[in-house]
Amino acid sequence: MPETFKFPNPPVVDETELQRCRDTGNFSPILFEWYKYAAIVANYFACLHRDSPVIRKVPHPHYAALVGMLNRCSRLMHSNVALSHEGLFGETTAILDRCIFETSVLIIWLCRQRSNEAFDRYIAEGLKTELALKTKIVTNIEARGTGKLAIEHRMLDSIERCIQTSGLTALQIEDSKKLPNLASMIESLKKDRLMYIVGQKIGSHHVHGTWPSLLFHYLDRNDDGTWRPRDHNCPTHVNQYVFIPLIVLSAVKAFIVFVFDKEDDAEPLRDLIEAIEQEIITINHEVVGTDYEFAEEI
């Protein structure tokens, strides 16, 4: 790789800072740095050129899909860094983390499938909505009988450009099978269902504003039992700085294994990502403390 494409350096955490976190019981400052670093690593691999001699010949739209999804994870993580660096916007970072989780699982699933058909299904799924919109616009034009409006012309052109970039025809898009839902993807990856419940179902609370989400982020209780709007004081939970980097790094590993032509090229990079994961896990062991010891019955 060229010198300008040097692998980013990890955070440097000295013993003084680590001890400060131990004394306060708050490891968020350290994990925040590793969260940022995982975002940088995802972006690093998103920037690997498809025409590099170490990359195997993946169809261009499929490689672009993986690059786009890795970049999506990285950029949303950087958005969360900007939102949470002063200890605020925890209600918003939870929403973005749910998006990052789903995209990471999709990357892993696609890479593990090693199937052009799986990638085509992913691309087609998004384009079916575009075709439905095109059908509705054309129907409106024909019913009106006075030609296209300027906005309709722009929308139809935009839809056509989007379809052309996919490498699929309208018929292929219409006939493609739906993607499995996220629960099925996670099950096929041999992951515990707890991962789905925590990452997807609980994450969906924050997206949809369910009652648990309101209690967690948006309401405070008065002494008389009534409710009032919560102040603007929601921090990002420390667990977010652990769970999300680990799932994103898993997606990066899946990407490496899938796109590198030779195992000898992929293995050291995969080992490097696993070393980063272990750093985060080691710090998290201090965060959880005795949480996983059996509780005393009262």
C-alpha atoms as a PDB file:
ATOM      1  CA  MET A   1       0.000   0.000   0.000  1.00  0.00           C
ATOM      2  CA  PRO A   2       1.249   3.533  -0.634  1.00  0.00           C
ATOM      3  CA  GLU A   3       2.830   5.445   2.248  1.00  0.00           C
ATOM      4  CA  THR A   4      -0.116   7.860   2.343  1.00  0.00           C
ATOM      5  CA  PHE A   5      -2.408   4.909   3.075  1.00  0.00           C
ATOM      6  CA  LYS A   6      -0.810   4.096   6.412  1.00  0.00           C
ATOM      7  CA  PHE A   7      -2.981   2.281   8.927  1.00  0.00           C
ATOM      8  CA  PRO A   8      -4.297   4.724  11.564  1.00  0.00           C
ATOM      9  CA  ASN A   9      -2.667   4.660  14.989  1.00  0.00           C
ATOM     10  CA  PRO A  10      -4.809   3.480  17.904  1.00  0.00           C
ATOM     11  CA  PRO A  11      -5.622   5.646  20.930  1.00  0.00           C
ATOM     12  CA  VAL A  12      -2.913   5.936  23.564  1.00  0.00           C
ATOM     13  CA  VAL A  13      -4.312   5.451  27.057  1.00  0.00           C
ATOM     14  CA  ASP A  14      -1.802   6.013  29.860  1.00  0.00           C
ATOM     15  CA  GLU A  15      -2.072   4.482  33.322  1.00  0.00           C
ATOM     16  CA  THR A  16      -2.983   7.819  34.899  1.00  0.00           C
ATOM     17  CA  GLU A  17      -6.051   8.194  32.704  1.00  0.00           C
ATOM     18  CA  LEU A  18      -7.015   4.560  33.242  1.00  0.00           C
ATOM     19  CA  GLN A  19      -6.735   4.971  37.009  1.00  0.00           C
ATOM     20  CA  ARG A  20      -8.870   8.113  36.874  1.00  0.00           C
ATOM     21  CA  CYS A  21     -11.594   6.111  35.147  1.00  0.00           C
ATOM     22  CA  ARG A  22     -11.293   3.392  37.796  1.00  0.00           C
ATOM     23  CA  ASP A  23     -11.555   5.932  40.586  1.00  0.00           C
ATOM     24  CA  THR A  24     -14.684   7.539  39.120  1.00  0.00           C
ATOM     25  CA  GLY A  25     -16.186   4.319  37.790  1.00  0.00           C
ATOM     26  CA  ASN A  26     -16.666   6.076  34.440  1.00  0.00           C
ATOM     27  CA  PHE A  27     -14.817   4.488  31.518  1.00  0.00           C
ATOM     28  CA  SER A  28     -16.721   6.443  28.867  1.00  0.00           C
ATOM     29  CA  PRO A  29     -13.784   8.811  28.119  1.00  0.00           C
ATOM     30  CA  ILE A  30     -11.530   5.886  27.127  1.00  0.00           C
ATOM     31  CA  LEU A  31     -14.206   3.920  25.294  1.00  0.00           C
ATOM     32  CA  PHE A  32     -15.215   7.105  23.472  1.00  0.00           C
ATOM     33  CA  GLU A  33     -11.700   7.187  21.949  1.00  0.00           C
ATOM     34  CA  TRP A  34     -11.968   3.556  20.862  1.00  0.00           C
ATOM     35  CA  TYR A  35     -15.407   4.259  19.387  1.00  0.00           C
ATOM     36  CA  LYS A  36     -13.824   7.033  17.293  1.00  0.00           C
ATOM     37  CA  TYR A  37     -10.989   4.727  16.310  1.00  0.00           C
ATOM     38  CA  ALA A  38     -13.364   1.990  15.102  1.00  0.00           C
ATOM     39  CA  ALA A  39     -15.062   4.608  12.908  1.00  0.00           C
ATOM     40  CA  ILE A  40     -11.694   5.589  11.446  1.00  0.00           C
ATOM     41  CA  VAL A  41     -10.791   1.940  10.788  1.00  0.00           C
ATOM     42  CA  ALA A  42     -14.103   1.351   8.985  1.00  0.00           C
ATOM     43  CA  ASN A  43     -13.414   4.363   6.780  1.00  0.00           C
ATOM     44  CA  TYR A  44      -9.862   3.154   6.116  1.00  0.00           C
ATOM     45  CA  PHE A  45     -11.092  -0.119   4.649  1.00  0.00           C
ATOM     46  CA  ALA A  46     -13.906   1.611   2.766  1.00  0.00           C
ATOM     47  CA  CYS A  47     -11.151   3.486   0.917  1.00  0.00           C
ATOM     48  CA  LEU A  48      -9.423   0.342  -0.394  1.00  0.00           C
ATOM     49  CA  HIS A  49      -9.344   0.523  -4.186  1.00  0.00           C
ATOM     50  CA  ARG A  50     -11.196  -2.211  -6.017  1.00  0.00           C
ATOM     51  CA  ASP A  51      -8.448  -2.339  -8.657  1.00  0.00           C
ATOM     52  CA  SER A  52      -5.736  -3.089  -6.078  1.00  0.00           C
ATOM     53  CA  PRO A  53      -3.859  -6.299  -6.967  1.00  0.00           C
ATOM     54  CA  VAL A  54      -4.691  -7.798  -3.551  1.00  0.00           C
ATOM     55  CA  ILE A  55      -8.453  -7.401  -4.083  1.00  0.00           C
ATOM     56  CA  ARG A  56     -10.293 -10.151  -5.926  1.00  0.00           C
ATOM     57  CA  LYS A  57     -12.614  -9.325  -8.792  1.00  0.00           C
ATOM     58  CA  VAL A  58     -15.906  -8.450  -7.121  1.00  0.00           C
ATOM     59  CA  PRO A  59     -18.607  -7.024  -9.453  1.00  0.00           C
ATOM     60  CA  HIS A  60     -18.424  -3.255  -9.303  1.00  0.00           C
ATOM     61  CA  PRO A  61     -21.930  -2.556  -7.902  1.00  0.00           C
ATOM     62  CA  HIS A  62     -21.380  -5.205  -5.218  1.00  0.00           C
ATOM     63  CA  TYR A  63     -18.036  -3.776  -4.150  1.00  0.00           C
ATOM     64  CA  ALA A  64     -19.566  -0.300  -4.187  1.00  0.00           C
ATOM     65  CA  ALA A  65     -22.375  -1.516  -1.931  1.00  0.00           C
ATOM     66  CA  LEU A  66     -19.888  -2.777   0.658  1.00  0.00           C
ATOM     67  CA  VAL A  67     -17.802   0.396   0.441  1.00  0.00           C
ATOM     68  CA  GLY A  68     -20.917   2.522   0.795  1.00  0.00           C
ATOM     69  CA  MET A  69     -22.124   0.569   3.823  1.00  0.00           C
ATOM     70  CA  LEU A  70     -18.733   0.716   5.563  1.00  0.00           C
ATOM     71  CA  ASN A  71     -18.644   4.448   4.886  1.00  0.00           C
ATOM     72  CA  ARG A  72     -22.196   4.756   6.229  1.00  0.00           C
ATOM     73  CA  CYS A  73     -21.150   3.079   9.487  1.00  0.00           C
ATOM     74  CA  SER A  74     -18.088   5.315   9.749  1.00  0.00           C
ATOM     75  CA  ARG A  75     -19.927   8.559   9.058  1.00  0.00           C
ATOM     76  CA  LEU A  76     -22.801   7.788  11.411  1.00  0.00           C
ATOM     77  CA  MET A  77     -20.282   6.918  14.121  1.00  0.00           C
ATOM     78  CA  HIS A  78     -18.501  10.221  13.522  1.00  0.00           C
ATOM     79  CA  SER A  79     -21.871  11.955  13.804  1.00  0.00           C
ATOM     80  CA  ASN A  80     -22.322  10.307  17.184  1.00  0.00           C
ATOM     81  CA  VAL A  81     -18.864  11.463  18.222  1.00  0.00           C
ATOM     82  CA  ALA A  82     -19.841  15.042  17.385  1.00  0.00           C
ATOM     83  CA  LEU A  83     -23.161  14.675  19.219  1.00  0.00           C
ATOM     84  CA  SER A  84     -21.926  12.951  22.361  1.00  0.00           C
ATOM     85  CA  HIS A  85     -18.535  14.558  23.055  1.00  0.00           C
ATOM     86  CA  GLU A  86     -20.034  16.928  25.639  1.00  0.00           C
ATOM     87  CA  GLY A  87     -22.172  14.280  27.289  1.00  0.00           C
ATOM     88  CA  LEU A  88     -25.437  15.148  25.550  1.00  0.00           C
ATOM     89  CA  PHE A  89     -27.756  13.788  22.817  1.00  0.00           C
ATOM     90  CA  GLY A  90     -27.882  10.223  24.124  1.00  0.00           C
ATOM     91  CA  GLU A  91     -31.422   9.959  22.767  1.00  0.00           C
ATOM     92  CA  THR A  92     -30.104  10.722  19.274  1.00  0.00           C
ATOM     93  CA  THR A  93     -26.952   8.591  19.339  1.00  0.00           C
ATOM     94  CA  ALA A  94     -29.135   5.602  20.272  1.00  0.00           C
ATOM     95  CA  ILE A  95     -31.146   6.113  17.077  1.00  0.00           C
ATOM     96  CA  LEU A  96     -28.023   6.325  14.921  1.00  0.00           C
ATOM     97  CA  ASP A  97     -26.476   3.309  16.636  1.00  0.00           C
ATOM     98  CA  ARG A  98     -29.524   1.263  15.674  1.00  0.00           C
ATOM     99  CA  CYS A  99     -28.871   2.210  12.019  1.00  0.00           C
ATOM    100  CA  ILE A 100     -25.179   1.319  12.359  1.00  0.00           C
ATOM    101  CA  PHE A 101     -26.052  -2.050  13.866  1.00  0.00           C
ATOM    102  CA  GLU A 102     -28.381  -3.010  11.008  1.00  0.00           C
ATOM    103  CA  THR A 103     -25.886  -1.950   8.342  1.00  0.00           C
ATOM    104  CA  SER A 104     -23.081  -3.891  10.049  1.00  0.00           C
ATOM    105  CA  VAL A 105     -25.161  -7.070  10.185  1.00  0.00           C
ATOM    106  CA  LEU A 106     -26.033  -6.655   6.512  1.00  0.00           C
ATOM    107  CA  ILE A 107     -22.341  -6.304   5.582  1.00  0.00           C
ATOM    108  CA  ILE A 108     -21.495  -9.476   7.503  1.00  0.00           C
ATOM    109  CA  TRP A 109     -24.389 -11.399   5.975  1.00  0.00           C
ATOM    110  CA  LEU A 110     -23.572 -10.362   2.404  1.00  0.00           C
ATOM    111  CA  CYS A 111     -19.876 -11.154   2.804  1.00  0.00           C
ATOM    112  CA  ARG A 112     -20.587 -14.543   4.358  1.00  0.00           C
ATOM    113  CA  GLN A 113     -23.034 -15.415   1.552  1.00  0.00           C
ATOM    114  CA  ARG A 114     -20.297 -14.936  -1.063  1.00  0.00           C
ATOM    115  CA  SER A 115     -23.095 -14.845  -3.639  1.00  0.00           C
ATOM    116  CA  ASN A 116     -23.794 -12.436  -6.475  1.00  0.00           C
ATOM    117  CA  GLU A 117     -27.468 -13.274  -6.075  1.00  0.00           C
ATOM    118  CA  ALA A 118     -27.465 -12.037  -2.456  1.00  0.00           C
ATOM    119  CA  PHE A 119     -25.944  -8.715  -3.495  1.00  0.00           C
ATOM    120  CA  ASP A 120     -28.434  -8.362  -6.355  1.00  0.00           C
ATOM    121  CA  ARG A 121     -31.282  -8.971  -3.904  1.00  0.00           C
ATOM    122  CA  TYR A 122     -29.915  -6.257  -1.621  1.00  0.00           C
ATOM    123  CA  ILE A 123     -29.628  -3.738  -4.459  1.00  0.00           C
ATOM    124  CA  ALA A 124     -33.004  -4.678  -5.952  1.00  0.00           C
ATOM    125  CA  GLU A 125     -34.803  -4.351  -2.619  1.00  0.00           C
ATOM    126  CA  GLY A 126     -34.063  -0.653  -2.429  1.00  0.00           C
ATOM    127  CA  LEU A 127     -34.924  -0.098  -6.073  1.00  0.00           C
ATOM    128  CA  LYS A 128     -38.385  -1.682  -5.868  1.00  0.00           C
ATOM    129  CA  THR A 129     -39.584   1.474  -4.143  1.00  0.00           C
ATOM    130  CA  GLU A 130     -38.128   3.540  -6.971  1.00  0.00           C
ATOM    131  CA  LEU A 131     -40.031   1.444  -9.519  1.00  0.00           C
ATOM    132  CA  ALA A 132     -43.253   1.843  -7.540  1.00  0.00           C
ATOM    133  CA  LEU A 133     -42.747   5.617  -7.520  1.00  0.00           C
ATOM    134  CA  LYS A 134     -42.023   5.576 -11.271  1.00  0.00           C
ATOM    135  CA  THR A 135     -45.257   3.651 -11.912  1.00  0.00           C
ATOM    136  CA  LYS A 136     -47.265   6.145  -9.883  1.00  0.00           C
ATOM    137  CA  ILE A 137     -45.728   9.149 -11.659  1.00  0.00           C
ATOM    138  CA  VAL A 138     -46.356   7.659 -15.102  1.00  0.00           C
ATOM    139  CA  THR A 139     -49.952   6.823 -14.118  1.00  0.00           C
ATOM    140  CA  ASN A 140     -50.525  10.411 -13.018  1.00  0.00           C
ATOM    141  CA  ILE A 141     -49.065  11.772 -16.262  1.00  0.00           C
ATOM    142  CA  GLU A 142     -51.242   9.496 -18.390  1.00  0.00           C
ATOM    143  CA  ALA A 143     -54.380  10.313 -16.380  1.00  0.00           C
ATOM    144  CA  ARG A 144     -53.751  14.037 -16.690  1.00  0.00           C
ATOM    145  CA  GLY A 145     -53.028  13.816 -20.419  1.00  0.00           C
ATOM    146  CA  THR A 146     -51.170  17.125 -20.561  1.00  0.00           C
ATOM    147  CA  GLY A 147     -47.563  15.918 -20.525  1.00  0.00           C
ATOM    148  CA  LYS A 148     -44.933  15.797 -17.783  1.00  0.00           C
ATOM    149  CA  LEU A 149     -44.517  18.456 -15.168  1.00  0.00           C
ATOM    150  CA  ALA A 150     -40.958  19.691 -14.696  1.00  0.00           C
ATOM    151  CA  ILE A 151     -40.749  17.988 -11.294  1.00  0.00           C
ATOM    152  CA  GLU A 152     -42.013  14.721 -12.783  1.00  0.00           C
ATOM    153  CA  HIS A 153     -39.392  14.886 -15.506  1.00  0.00           C
ATOM    154  CA  ARG A 154     -36.615  15.350 -12.909  1.00  0.00           C
ATOM    155  CA  MET A 155     -37.940  12.548 -10.721  1.00  0.00           C
ATOM    156  CA  LEU A 156     -38.190  10.079 -13.608  1.00  0.00           C
ATOM    157  CA  ASP A 157     -34.662  10.950 -14.757  1.00  0.00           C
ATOM    158  CA  SER A 158     -33.353  10.454 -11.216  1.00  0.00           C
ATOM    159  CA  ILE A 159     -35.064   7.071 -10.882  1.00  0.00           C
ATOM    160  CA  GLU A 160     -33.692   5.934 -14.241  1.00  0.00           C
ATOM    161  CA  ARG A 161     -30.138   6.948 -13.298  1.00  0.00           C
ATOM    162  CA  CYS A 162     -30.445   5.062 -10.022  1.00  0.00           C
ATOM    163  CA  ILE A 163     -31.595   1.899 -11.804  1.00  0.00           C
ATOM    164  CA  GLN A 164     -28.860   2.104 -14.429  1.00  0.00           C
ATOM    165  CA  THR A 165     -26.099   2.247 -11.782  1.00  0.00           C
ATOM    166  CA  SER A 166     -27.299  -1.049 -10.310  1.00  0.00           C
ATOM    167  CA  GLY A 167     -26.498  -3.176 -13.341  1.00  0.00           C
ATOM    168  CA  LEU A 168     -30.019  -4.650 -13.081  1.00  0.00           C
ATOM    169  CA  THR A 169     -33.005  -4.289 -15.375  1.00  0.00           C
ATOM    170  CA  ALA A 170     -36.440  -3.244 -14.164  1.00  0.00           C
ATOM    171  CA  LEU A 171     -37.655  -6.806 -14.721  1.00  0.00           C
ATOM    172  CA  GLN A 172     -34.797  -8.272 -12.663  1.00  0.00           C
ATOM    173  CA  ILE A 173     -35.603  -5.838  -9.872  1.00  0.00           C
ATOM    174  CA  GLU A 174     -39.293  -6.710  -9.884  1.00  0.00           C
ATOM    175  CA  ASP A 175     -38.609 -10.466  -9.951  1.00  0.00           C
ATOM    176  CA  SER A 176     -35.913 -10.510  -7.263  1.00  0.00           C
ATOM    177  CA  LYS A 177     -36.607 -12.254  -3.954  1.00  0.00           C
ATOM    178  CA  LYS A 178     -36.893 -10.214  -0.794  1.00  0.00           C
ATOM    179  CA  LEU A 179     -33.948 -10.169   1.570  1.00  0.00           C
ATOM    180  CA  PRO A 180     -34.372 -12.189   4.750  1.00  0.00           C
ATOM    181  CA  ASN A 181     -35.263 -10.065   7.757  1.00  0.00           C
ATOM    182  CA  LEU A 182     -32.577  -9.109  10.240  1.00  0.00           C
ATOM    183  CA  ALA A 183     -33.545 -11.816  12.725  1.00  0.00           C
ATOM    184  CA  SER A 184     -33.059 -14.464  10.019  1.00  0.00           C
ATOM    185  CA  MET A 185     -29.722 -12.942   8.995  1.00  0.00           C
ATOM    186  CA  ILE A 186     -28.468 -13.023  12.574  1.00  0.00           C
ATOM    187  CA  GLU A 187     -29.680 -16.602  13.005  1.00  0.00           C
ATOM    188  CA  SER A 188     -27.903 -17.666   9.806  1.00  0.00           C
ATOM    189  CA  LEU A 189     -24.694 -16.116  11.160  1.00  0.00           C
ATOM    190  CA  LYS A 190     -24.990 -18.443  14.187  1.00  0.00           C
ATOM    191  CA  LYS A 191     -25.338 -15.518  16.569  1.00  0.00           C
ATOM    192  CA  ASP A 192     -27.287 -15.669  19.825  1.00  0.00           C
ATOM    193  CA  ARG A 193     -30.816 -14.253  19.598  1.00  0.00           C
ATOM    194  CA  LEU A 194     -29.850 -11.868  22.390  1.00  0.00           C
ATOM    195  CA  MET A 195     -27.845  -9.961  19.769  1.00  0.00           C
ATOM    196  CA  TYR A 196     -31.041  -9.428  17.769  1.00  0.00           C
ATOM    197  CA  ILE A 197     -33.091  -8.437  20.805  1.00  0.00           C
ATOM    198  CA  VAL A 198     -30.507  -5.927  22.054  1.00  0.00           C
ATOM    199  CA  GLY A 199     -29.292  -4.548  18.739  1.00  0.00           C
ATOM    200  CA  GLN A 200     -32.510  -4.552  16.735  1.00  0.00           C
ATOM    201  CA  LYS A 201     -35.570  -4.751  18.964  1.00  0.00           C
ATOM    202  CA  ILE A 202     -34.352  -2.567  21.821  1.00  0.00           C
ATOM    203  CA  GLY A 203     -32.655  -0.280  19.310  1.00  0.00           C
ATOM    204  CA  SER A 204     -36.010   0.072  17.579  1.00  0.00           C
ATOM    205  CA  HIS A 205     -37.470   1.583  20.762  1.00  0.00           C
ATOM    206  CA  HIS A 206     -35.315   4.644  20.133  1.00  0.00           C
ATOM    207  CA  VAL A 207     -36.213   4.844  16.438  1.00  0.00           C
ATOM    208  CA  HIS A 208     -39.962   4.542  16.936  1.00  0.00           C
ATOM    209  CA  GLY A 209     -40.378   6.352  20.259  1.00  0.00           C
ATOM    210  CA  THR A 210     -42.063   3.518  22.172  1.00  0.00           C
ATOM    211  CA  TRP A 211     -43.036   3.806  25.845  1.00  0.00           C
ATOM    212  CA  PRO A 212     -39.691   2.361  27.105  1.00  0.00           C
ATOM    213  CA  SER A 213     -37.869   4.939  24.952  1.00  0.00           C
ATOM    214  CA  LEU A 214     -39.952   7.783  26.391  1.00  0.00           C
ATOM    215  CA  LEU A 215     -39.184   6.610  29.933  1.00  0.00           C
ATOM    216  CA  PHE A 216     -35.482   6.291  29.188  1.00  0.00           C
ATOM    217  CA  HIS A 217     -34.848   9.524  27.294  1.00  0.00           C
ATOM    218  CA  TYR A 218     -37.780  11.911  27.300  1.00  0.00           C
ATOM    219  CA  LEU A 219     -39.660  11.788  30.621  1.00  0.00           C
ATOM    220  CA  ASP A 220     -38.883  12.429  34.284  1.00  0.00           C
ATOM    221  CA  ARG A 221     -41.227  11.632  37.135  1.00  0.00           C
ATOM    222  CA  ASN A 222     -42.416  14.176  39.674  1.00  0.00           C
ATOM    223  CA  ASP A 223     -42.637  13.393  43.368  1.00  0.00           C
ATOM    224  CA  ASP A 224     -46.407  13.064  43.065  1.00  0.00           C
ATOM    225  CA  GLY A 225     -46.081  10.381  40.383  1.00  0.00           C
ATOM    226  CA  THR A 226     -46.944  12.598  37.411  1.00  0.00           C
ATOM    227  CA  TRP A 227     -44.617  13.008  34.441  1.00  0.00           C
ATOM    228  CA  ARG A 228     -42.757  15.978  33.006  1.00  0.00           C
ATOM    229  CA  PRO A 229     -40.475  16.399  29.968  1.00  0.00           C
ATOM    230  CA  ARG A 230     -36.917  15.379  30.733  1.00  0.00           C
ATOM    231  CA  ASP A 231     -34.279  18.065  30.477  1.00  0.00           C
ATOM    232  CA  HIS A 232     -31.624  18.082  27.747  1.00  0.00           C
ATOM    233  CA  ASN A 233     -29.266  15.901  29.750  1.00  0.00           C
ATOM    234  CA  CYS A 234     -29.177  12.441  28.158  1.00  0.00           C
ATOM    235  CA  PRO A 235     -25.638  11.102  27.850  1.00  0.00           C
ATOM    236  CA  THR A 236     -24.647   8.331  25.487  1.00  0.00           C
ATOM    237  CA  HIS A 237     -24.666   5.118  27.510  1.00  0.00           C
ATOM    238  CA  VAL A 238     -21.245   3.566  28.048  1.00  0.00           C
ATOM    239  CA  ASN A 239     -22.489   0.285  26.528  1.00  0.00           C
ATOM    240  CA  GLN A 240     -22.978   2.050  23.192  1.00  0.00           C
ATOM    241  CA  TYR A 241     -19.245   2.754  23.113  1.00  0.00           C
ATOM    242  CA  VAL A 242     -18.651  -0.999  23.368  1.00  0.00           C
ATOM    243  CA  PHE A 243     -21.415  -2.764  21.449  1.00  0.00           C
ATOM    244  CA  ILE A 244     -21.326  -0.620  18.311  1.00  0.00           C
ATOM    245  CA  PRO A 245     -17.541  -0.611  17.718  1.00  0.00           C
ATOM    246  CA  LEU A 246     -17.474  -4.388  18.155  1.00  0.00           C
ATOM    247  CA  ILE A 247     -20.238  -5.030  15.604  1.00  0.00           C
ATOM    248  CA  VAL A 248     -18.658  -2.563  13.148  1.00  0.00           C
ATOM    249  CA  LEU A 249     -15.256  -4.223  13.550  1.00  0.00           C
ATOM    250  CA  SER A 250     -16.924  -7.589  12.904  1.00  0.00           C
ATOM    251  CA  ALA A 251     -18.255  -6.122   9.661  1.00  0.00           C
ATOM    252  CA  VAL A 252     -14.763  -4.898   8.767  1.00  0.00           C
ATOM    253  CA  LYS A 253     -13.371  -8.408   9.343  1.00  0.00           C
ATOM    254  CA  ALA A 254     -16.068  -9.941   7.140  1.00  0.00           C
ATOM    255  CA  PHE A 255     -15.234  -7.399   4.439  1.00  0.00           C
ATOM    256  CA  ILE A 256     -11.516  -8.222   4.629  1.00  0.00           C
ATOM    257  CA  VAL A 257     -12.093 -11.971   4.348  1.00  0.00           C
ATOM    258  CA  PHE A 258     -14.508 -11.478   1.447  1.00  0.00           C
ATOM    259  CA  VAL A 259     -12.606  -9.032  -0.765  1.00  0.00           C
ATOM    260  CA  PHE A 260      -8.975 -10.046  -0.296  1.00  0.00           C
ATOM    261  CA  ASP A 261      -7.842 -12.488  -2.939  1.00  0.00           C
ATOM    262  CA  LYS A 262      -5.405 -14.461  -0.782  1.00  0.00           C
ATOM    263  CA  GLU A 263      -5.694 -15.692   2.787  1.00  0.00           C
ATOM    264  CA  ASP A 264      -2.084 -14.632   3.420  1.00  0.00           C
ATOM    265  CA  ASP A 265      -3.051 -11.021   2.693  1.00  0.00           C
ATOM    266  CA  ALA A 266      -6.275 -11.127   4.702  1.00  0.00           C
ATOM    267  CA  GLU A 267      -5.000 -12.929   7.802  1.00  0.00           C
ATOM    268  CA  PRO A 268      -2.705 -10.235   9.263  1.00  0.00           C
ATOM    269  CA  LEU A 269      -5.376  -7.566   8.784  1.00  0.00           C
ATOM    270  CA  ARG A 270      -8.015  -9.773  10.367  1.00  0.00           C
ATOM    271  CA  ASP A 271      -5.648 -10.407  13.289  1.00  0.00           C
ATOM    272  CA  LEU A 272      -5.134  -6.667  13.631  1.00  0.00           C
ATOM    273  CA  ILE A 273      -8.882  -6.033  13.829  1.00  0.00           C
ATOM    274  CA  GLU A 274      -9.218  -8.794  16.421  1.00  0.00           C
ATOM    275  CA  ALA A 275      -6.491  -7.125  18.503  1.00  0.00           C
ATOM    276  CA  ILE A 276      -8.507  -3.879  18.424  1.00  0.00           C
ATOM    277  CA  GLU A 277     -11.619  -5.790  19.483  1.00  0.00           C
ATOM    278  CA  GLN A 278      -9.699  -7.305  22.386  1.00  0.00           C
ATOM    279  CA  GLU A 279      -8.612  -3.869  23.604  1.00  0.00           C
ATOM    280  CA  ILE A 280     -12.247  -2.763  23.762  1.00  0.00           C
ATOM    281  CA  ILE A 281     -13.319  -6.007  25.446  1.00  0.00           C
ATOM    282  CA  THR A 282     -10.546  -5.675  28.053  1.00  0.00           C
ATOM    283  CA  ILE A 283     -11.676  -2.177  29.014  1.00  0.00           C
ATOM    284  CA  ASN A 284     -15.286  -3.340  29.066  1.00  0.00           C
ATOM    285  CA  HIS A 285     -14.372  -6.016  31.619  1.00  0.00           C
ATOM    286  CA  GLU A 286     -13.506  -3.193  33.986  1.00  0.00           C
ATOM    287  CA  VAL A 287     -16.774  -1.422  33.159  1.00  0.00           C
ATOM    288  CA  VAL A 288     -18.998  -4.384  33.990  1.00  0.00           C
ATOM    289  CA  GLY A 289     -17.067  -5.217  37.143  1.00  0.00           C
ATOM    290  CA  THR A 290     -19.141  -7.666  39.180  1.00  0.00           C
ATOM    291  CA  ASP A 291     -22.236  -7.430  36.968  1.00  0.00           C
ATOM    292  CA  TYR A 292     -21.849 -11.036  35.882  1.00  0.00           C
ATOM    293  CA  GLU A 293     -21.404 -12.472  39.339  1.00  0.00           C
ATOM    294  CA  PHE A 294     -24.478 -14.082  40.866  1.00  0.00           C
ATOM    295  CA  ALA A 295     -26.587 -11.583  42.777  1.00  0.00           C
ATOM    296  CA  GLU A 296     -27.401 -12.205  46.417  1.00  0.00           C
ATOM    297  CA  GLU A 297     -31.060 -12.919  47.067  1.00  0.00           C
ATOM    298  CA  ILE A 298     -32.726 -10.390  49.354  1.00  0.00           C
END
